[in-house]
Amino acid sequence: MCQSTIYLKKGDTEEEILRDAILVEPCSEGVKIQGLFDAPKIIPARITSIDLLKNRIILESQE
């Protein structure tokens, strides 16, 4: 399968916040994400990069 891992960047650090992501969608409150077996949740962040070869999505915190 080709699910991605989502990381949240705060300053110079990146924290893994979700493995096996199947949904990443910008919304007015930030970014809506959902894992393979998880309910959707909204992260107050913006998408900064998507690397499909490495299956990595980087979000930057807006807090």
PDB file of N, CA and C in Angstrom:
ATOM      1  N   MET A   1       0.823  -1.180   0.000  1.00  0.00           N
ATOM      2  CA  MET A   1       0.000   0.000   0.000  1.00  0.00           C
ATOM      3  C   MET A   1       0.870   1.247   0.000  1.00  0.00           C
ATOM      4  N   CYS A   2       0.283   2.351  -0.379  1.00  0.00           N
ATOM      5  CA  CYS A   2       1.055   3.584  -0.541  1.00  0.00           C
ATOM      6  C   CYS A   2       0.584   4.714   0.373  1.00  0.00           C
ATOM      7  N   GLN A   3       0.237   4.396   1.604  1.00  0.00           N
ATOM      8  CA  GLN A   3      -0.135   5.460   2.526  1.00  0.00           C
ATOM      9  C   GLN A   3       1.122   6.229   2.933  1.00  0.00           C
ATOM     10  N   SER A   4       0.910   7.456   3.330  1.00  0.00           N
ATOM     11  CA  SER A   4       2.026   8.313   3.718  1.00  0.00           C
ATOM     12  C   SER A   4       2.058   8.517   5.228  1.00  0.00           C
ATOM     13  N   THR A   5       3.206   8.974   5.692  1.00  0.00           N
ATOM     14  CA  THR A   5       3.372   9.370   7.086  1.00  0.00           C
ATOM     15  C   THR A   5       3.371  10.885   7.125  1.00  0.00           C
ATOM     16  N   ILE A   6       2.639  11.451   8.079  1.00  0.00           N
ATOM     17  CA  ILE A   6       2.532  12.898   8.208  1.00  0.00           C
ATOM     18  C   ILE A   6       3.362  13.355   9.397  1.00  0.00           C
ATOM     19  N   TYR A   7       4.155  14.400   9.166  1.00  0.00           N
ATOM     20  CA  TYR A   7       4.997  14.989  10.205  1.00  0.00           C
ATOM     21  C   TYR A   7       4.567  16.427  10.420  1.00  0.00           C
ATOM     22  N   LEU A   8       4.616  16.882  11.678  1.00  0.00           N
ATOM     23  CA  LEU A   8       4.308  18.260  12.019  1.00  0.00           C
ATOM     24  C   LEU A   8       5.607  18.960  12.384  1.00  0.00           C
ATOM     25  N   LYS A   9       5.922  20.013  11.643  1.00  0.00           N
ATOM     26  CA  LYS A   9       7.147  20.763  11.876  1.00  0.00           C
ATOM     27  C   LYS A   9       6.854  21.936  12.801  1.00  0.00           C
ATOM     28  N   LYS A  10       7.615  21.994  13.895  1.00  0.00           N
ATOM     29  CA  LYS A  10       7.547  23.106  14.848  1.00  0.00           C
ATOM     30  C   LYS A  10       8.963  23.611  15.034  1.00  0.00           C
ATOM     31  N   GLY A  11       9.240  24.779  14.488  1.00  0.00           N
ATOM     32  CA  GLY A  11      10.611  25.295  14.541  1.00  0.00           C
ATOM     33  C   GLY A  11      11.531  24.420  13.715  1.00  0.00           C
ATOM     34  N   ASP A  12      12.570  23.872  14.355  1.00  0.00           N
ATOM     35  CA  ASP A  12      13.536  23.022  13.652  1.00  0.00           C
ATOM     36  C   ASP A  12      13.264  21.532  13.828  1.00  0.00           C
ATOM     37  N   THR A  13      12.186  21.170  14.513  1.00  0.00           N
ATOM     38  CA  THR A  13      11.915  19.759  14.773  1.00  0.00           C
ATOM     39  C   THR A  13      10.697  19.280  13.993  1.00  0.00           C
ATOM     40  N   GLU A  14      10.714  17.997  13.647  1.00  0.00           N
ATOM     41  CA  GLU A  14       9.590  17.349  12.981  1.00  0.00           C
ATOM     42  C   GLU A  14       9.111  16.202  13.858  1.00  0.00           C
ATOM     43  N   GLU A  15       7.815  16.184  14.133  1.00  0.00           N
ATOM     44  CA  GLU A  15       7.219  15.138  14.962  1.00  0.00           C
ATOM     45  C   GLU A  15       6.245  14.327  14.109  1.00  0.00           C
ATOM     46  N   GLU A  16       6.397  13.013  14.131  1.00  0.00           N
ATOM     47  CA  GLU A  16       5.458  12.159  13.411  1.00  0.00           C
ATOM     48  C   GLU A  16       4.101  12.223  14.110  1.00  0.00           C
ATOM     49  N   ILE A  17       3.054  12.574  13.354  1.00  0.00           N
ATOM     50  CA  ILE A  17       1.731  12.673  13.975  1.00  0.00           C
ATOM     51  C   ILE A  17       0.746  11.644  13.434  1.00  0.00           C
ATOM     52  N   LEU A  18       1.049  11.044  12.267  1.00  0.00           N
ATOM     53  CA  LEU A  18       0.113  10.056  11.732  1.00  0.00           C
ATOM     54  C   LEU A  18       0.804   9.159  10.715  1.00  0.00           C
ATOM     55  N   ARG A  19       0.683   7.859  10.933  1.00  0.00           N
ATOM     56  CA  ARG A  19       1.142   6.867   9.947  1.00  0.00           C
ATOM     57  C   ARG A  19      -0.048   6.377   9.145  1.00  0.00           C
ATOM     58  N   ASP A  20       0.221   5.892   7.958  1.00  0.00           N
ATOM     59  CA  ASP A  20      -0.820   5.317   7.101  1.00  0.00           C
ATOM     60  C   ASP A  20      -1.942   6.301   6.824  1.00  0.00           C
ATOM     61  N   ALA A  21      -1.584   7.536   6.477  1.00  0.00           N
ATOM     62  CA  ALA A  21      -2.575   8.559   6.151  1.00  0.00           C
ATOM     63  C   ALA A  21      -3.234   8.235   4.813  1.00  0.00           C
ATOM     64  N   ILE A  22      -4.555   8.374   4.794  1.00  0.00           N
ATOM     65  CA  ILE A  22      -5.284   8.139   3.551  1.00  0.00           C
ATOM     66  C   ILE A  22      -5.986   9.408   3.066  1.00  0.00           C
ATOM     67  N   LEU A  23      -5.981  10.467   3.901  1.00  0.00           N
ATOM     68  CA  LEU A  23      -6.611  11.726   3.512  1.00  0.00           C
ATOM     69  C   LEU A  23      -5.808  12.895   4.054  1.00  0.00           C
ATOM     70  N   VAL A  24      -5.494  13.839   3.184  1.00  0.00           N
ATOM     71  CA  VAL A  24      -4.866  15.103   3.566  1.00  0.00           C
ATOM     72  C   VAL A  24      -5.587  16.169   2.740  1.00  0.00           C
ATOM     73  N   GLU A  25      -6.288  17.060   3.438  1.00  0.00           N
ATOM     74  CA  GLU A  25      -7.134  18.021   2.735  1.00  0.00           C
ATOM     75  C   GLU A  25      -7.072  19.380   3.420  1.00  0.00           C
ATOM     76  N   PRO A  26      -6.671  20.430   2.691  1.00  0.00           N
ATOM     77  CA  PRO A  26      -6.689  21.766   3.288  1.00  0.00           C
ATOM     78  C   PRO A  26      -8.126  22.165   3.630  1.00  0.00           C
ATOM     79  N   CYS A  27      -8.289  22.856   4.737  1.00  0.00           N
ATOM     80  CA  CYS A  27      -9.602  23.372   5.121  1.00  0.00           C
ATOM     81  C   CYS A  27      -9.394  24.719   5.802  1.00  0.00           C
ATOM     82  N   SER A  28     -10.475  25.406   6.097  1.00  0.00           N
ATOM     83  CA  SER A  28     -10.358  26.758   6.658  1.00  0.00           C
ATOM     84  C   SER A  28      -9.677  26.773   8.030  1.00  0.00           C
ATOM     85  N   GLU A  29      -9.779  25.675   8.789  1.00  0.00           N
ATOM     86  CA  GLU A  29      -9.163  25.613  10.116  1.00  0.00           C
ATOM     87  C   GLU A  29      -7.723  25.112  10.086  1.00  0.00           C
ATOM     88  N   GLY A  30      -7.255  24.631   8.961  1.00  0.00           N
ATOM     89  CA  GLY A  30      -5.908  24.083   8.847  1.00  0.00           C
ATOM     90  C   GLY A  30      -5.858  22.969   7.824  1.00  0.00           C
ATOM     91  N   VAL A  31      -5.524  21.754   8.283  1.00  0.00           N
ATOM     92  CA  VAL A  31      -5.439  20.594   7.405  1.00  0.00           C
ATOM     93  C   VAL A  31      -6.207  19.439   8.045  1.00  0.00           C
ATOM     94  N   LYS A  32      -7.106  18.869   7.284  1.00  0.00           N
ATOM     95  CA  LYS A  32      -7.868  17.702   7.741  1.00  0.00           C
ATOM     96  C   LYS A  32      -7.090  16.454   7.339  1.00  0.00           C
ATOM     97  N   ILE A  33      -6.817  15.576   8.324  1.00  0.00           N
ATOM     98  CA  ILE A  33      -6.077  14.343   8.049  1.00  0.00           C
ATOM     99  C   ILE A  33      -6.858  13.152   8.590  1.00  0.00           C
ATOM    100  N   GLN A  34      -6.618  12.014   7.979  1.00  0.00           N
ATOM    101  CA  GLN A  34      -7.270  10.789   8.443  1.00  0.00           C
ATOM    102  C   GLN A  34      -6.341   9.617   8.176  1.00  0.00           C
ATOM    103  N   GLY A  35      -6.242   8.740   9.167  1.00  0.00           N
ATOM    104  CA  GLY A  35      -5.483   7.515   9.028  1.00  0.00           C
ATOM    105  C   GLY A  35      -6.361   6.387   8.526  1.00  0.00           C
ATOM    106  N   LEU A  36      -5.742   5.300   8.170  1.00  0.00           N
ATOM    107  CA  LEU A  36      -6.437   4.147   7.614  1.00  0.00           C
ATOM    108  C   LEU A  36      -7.537   3.641   8.537  1.00  0.00           C
ATOM    109  N   PHE A  37      -7.285   3.625   9.840  1.00  0.00           N
ATOM    110  CA  PHE A  37      -8.257   3.115  10.798  1.00  0.00           C
ATOM    111  C   PHE A  37      -8.694   4.167  11.817  1.00  0.00           C
ATOM    112  N   ASP A  38      -8.464   5.451  11.513  1.00  0.00           N
ATOM    113  CA  ASP A  38      -8.749   6.537  12.449  1.00  0.00           C
ATOM    114  C   ASP A  38      -9.854   7.445  11.926  1.00  0.00           C
ATOM    115  N   ALA A  39     -10.485   8.153  12.841  1.00  0.00           N
ATOM    116  CA  ALA A  39     -11.459   9.183  12.464  1.00  0.00           C
ATOM    117  C   ALA A  39     -10.695  10.411  11.963  1.00  0.00           C
ATOM    118  N   PRO A  40     -11.295  11.216  11.100  1.00  0.00           N
ATOM    119  CA  PRO A  40     -10.618  12.430  10.631  1.00  0.00           C
ATOM    120  C   PRO A  40     -10.388  13.415  11.777  1.00  0.00           C
ATOM    121  N   LYS A  41      -9.305  14.191  11.679  1.00  0.00           N
ATOM    122  CA  LYS A  41      -9.061  15.256  12.649  1.00  0.00           C
ATOM    123  C   LYS A  41      -8.459  16.449  11.917  1.00  0.00           C
ATOM    124  N   ILE A  42      -8.621  17.614  12.500  1.00  0.00           N
ATOM    125  CA  ILE A  42      -8.118  18.847  11.896  1.00  0.00           C
ATOM    126  C   ILE A  42      -6.919  19.338  12.689  1.00  0.00           C
ATOM    127  N   ILE A  43      -5.840  19.604  11.978  1.00  0.00           N
ATOM    128  CA  ILE A  43      -4.592  20.080  12.567  1.00  0.00           C
ATOM    129  C   ILE A  43      -4.431  21.550  12.169  1.00  0.00           C
ATOM    130  N   PRO A  44      -4.203  22.452  13.125  1.00  0.00           N
ATOM    131  CA  PRO A  44      -3.990  23.862  12.773  1.00  0.00           C
ATOM    132  C   PRO A  44      -2.587  24.046  12.184  1.00  0.00           C
ATOM    133  N   ALA A  45      -2.484  23.797  10.901  1.00  0.00           N
ATOM    134  CA  ALA A  45      -1.192  23.818  10.219  1.00  0.00           C
ATOM    135  C   ALA A  45      -1.425  24.082   8.738  1.00  0.00           C
ATOM    136  N   ARG A  46      -0.317  24.163   8.001  1.00  0.00           N
ATOM    137  CA  ARG A  46      -0.399  24.266   6.542  1.00  0.00           C
ATOM    138  C   ARG A  46       0.544  23.235   5.935  1.00  0.00           C
ATOM    139  N   ILE A  47       0.236  22.789   4.743  1.00  0.00           N
ATOM    140  CA  ILE A  47       1.073  21.808   4.053  1.00  0.00           C
ATOM    141  C   ILE A  47       2.293  22.530   3.504  1.00  0.00           C
ATOM    142  N   THR A  48       3.502  22.031   3.854  1.00  0.00           N
ATOM    143  CA  THR A  48       4.716  22.657   3.326  1.00  0.00           C
ATOM    144  C   THR A  48       5.414  21.799   2.289  1.00  0.00           C
ATOM    145  N   SER A  49       5.288  20.470   2.386  1.00  0.00           N
ATOM    146  CA  SER A  49       5.878  19.622   1.343  1.00  0.00           C
ATOM    147  C   SER A  49       5.224  18.252   1.323  1.00  0.00           C
ATOM    148  N   ILE A  50       5.226  17.677   0.120  1.00  0.00           N
ATOM    149  CA  ILE A  50       4.722  16.321  -0.095  1.00  0.00           C
ATOM    150  C   ILE A  50       5.762  15.595  -0.924  1.00  0.00           C
ATOM    151  N   ASP A  51       6.310  14.521  -0.384  1.00  0.00           N
ATOM    152  CA  ASP A  51       7.301  13.706  -1.085  1.00  0.00           C
ATOM    153  C   ASP A  51       6.688  12.331  -1.324  1.00  0.00           C
ATOM    154  N   LEU A  52       6.210  12.097  -2.529  1.00  0.00           N
ATOM    155  CA  LEU A  52       5.529  10.847  -2.837  1.00  0.00           C
ATOM    156  C   LEU A  52       6.491   9.668  -2.952  1.00  0.00           C
ATOM    157  N   LEU A  53       7.753   9.920  -3.273  1.00  0.00           N
ATOM    158  CA  LEU A  53       8.725   8.826  -3.326  1.00  0.00           C
ATOM    159  C   LEU A  53       9.046   8.279  -1.941  1.00  0.00           C
ATOM    160  N   LYS A  54       9.108   9.177  -0.965  1.00  0.00           N
ATOM    161  CA  LYS A  54       9.409   8.768   0.414  1.00  0.00           C
ATOM    162  C   LYS A  54       8.155   8.607   1.258  1.00  0.00           C
ATOM    163  N   ASN A  55       6.971   8.869   0.677  1.00  0.00           N
ATOM    164  CA  ASN A  55       5.704   8.783   1.376  1.00  0.00           C
ATOM    165  C   ASN A  55       5.694   9.641   2.639  1.00  0.00           C
ATOM    166  N   ARG A  56       6.163  10.892   2.498  1.00  0.00           N
ATOM    167  CA  ARG A  56       6.239  11.841   3.609  1.00  0.00           C
ATOM    168  C   ARG A  56       5.458  13.103   3.278  1.00  0.00           C
ATOM    169  N   ILE A  57       4.673  13.565   4.237  1.00  0.00           N
ATOM    170  CA  ILE A  57       3.956  14.830   4.112  1.00  0.00           C
ATOM    171  C   ILE A  57       4.355  15.679   5.322  1.00  0.00           C
ATOM    172  N   ILE A  58       4.802  16.898   5.044  1.00  0.00           N
ATOM    173  CA  ILE A  58       5.235  17.788   6.122  1.00  0.00           C
ATOM    174  C   ILE A  58       4.224  18.914   6.264  1.00  0.00           C
ATOM    175  N   LEU A  59       3.725  19.071   7.487  1.00  0.00           N
ATOM    176  CA  LEU A  59       2.844  20.170   7.849  1.00  0.00           C
ATOM    177  C   LEU A  59       3.622  21.115   8.749  1.00  0.00           C
ATOM    178  N   GLU A  60       3.371  22.421   8.609  1.00  0.00           N
ATOM    179  CA  GLU A  60       3.999  23.393   9.498  1.00  0.00           C
ATOM    180  C   GLU A  60       2.935  23.946  10.436  1.00  0.00           C
ATOM    181  N   SER A  61       3.206  23.860  11.716  1.00  0.00           N
ATOM    182  CA  SER A  61       2.273  24.308  12.739  1.00  0.00           C
ATOM    183  C   SER A  61       1.975  25.783  12.602  1.00  0.00           C
ATOM    184  N   GLN A  62       0.721  26.170  12.795  1.00  0.00           N
ATOM    185  CA  GLN A  62       0.340  27.576  12.766  1.00  0.00           C
ATOM    186  C   GLN A  62      -0.033  28.058  14.164  1.00  0.00           C
ATOM    187  N   GLU A  63       0.409  27.352  15.180  1.00  0.00           N
ATOM    188  CA  GLU A  63       0.157  27.761  16.569  1.00  0.00           C
ATOM    189  C   GLU A  63       1.349  28.501  17.117  1.00  0.00           C
TER     190      GLU A  63
END
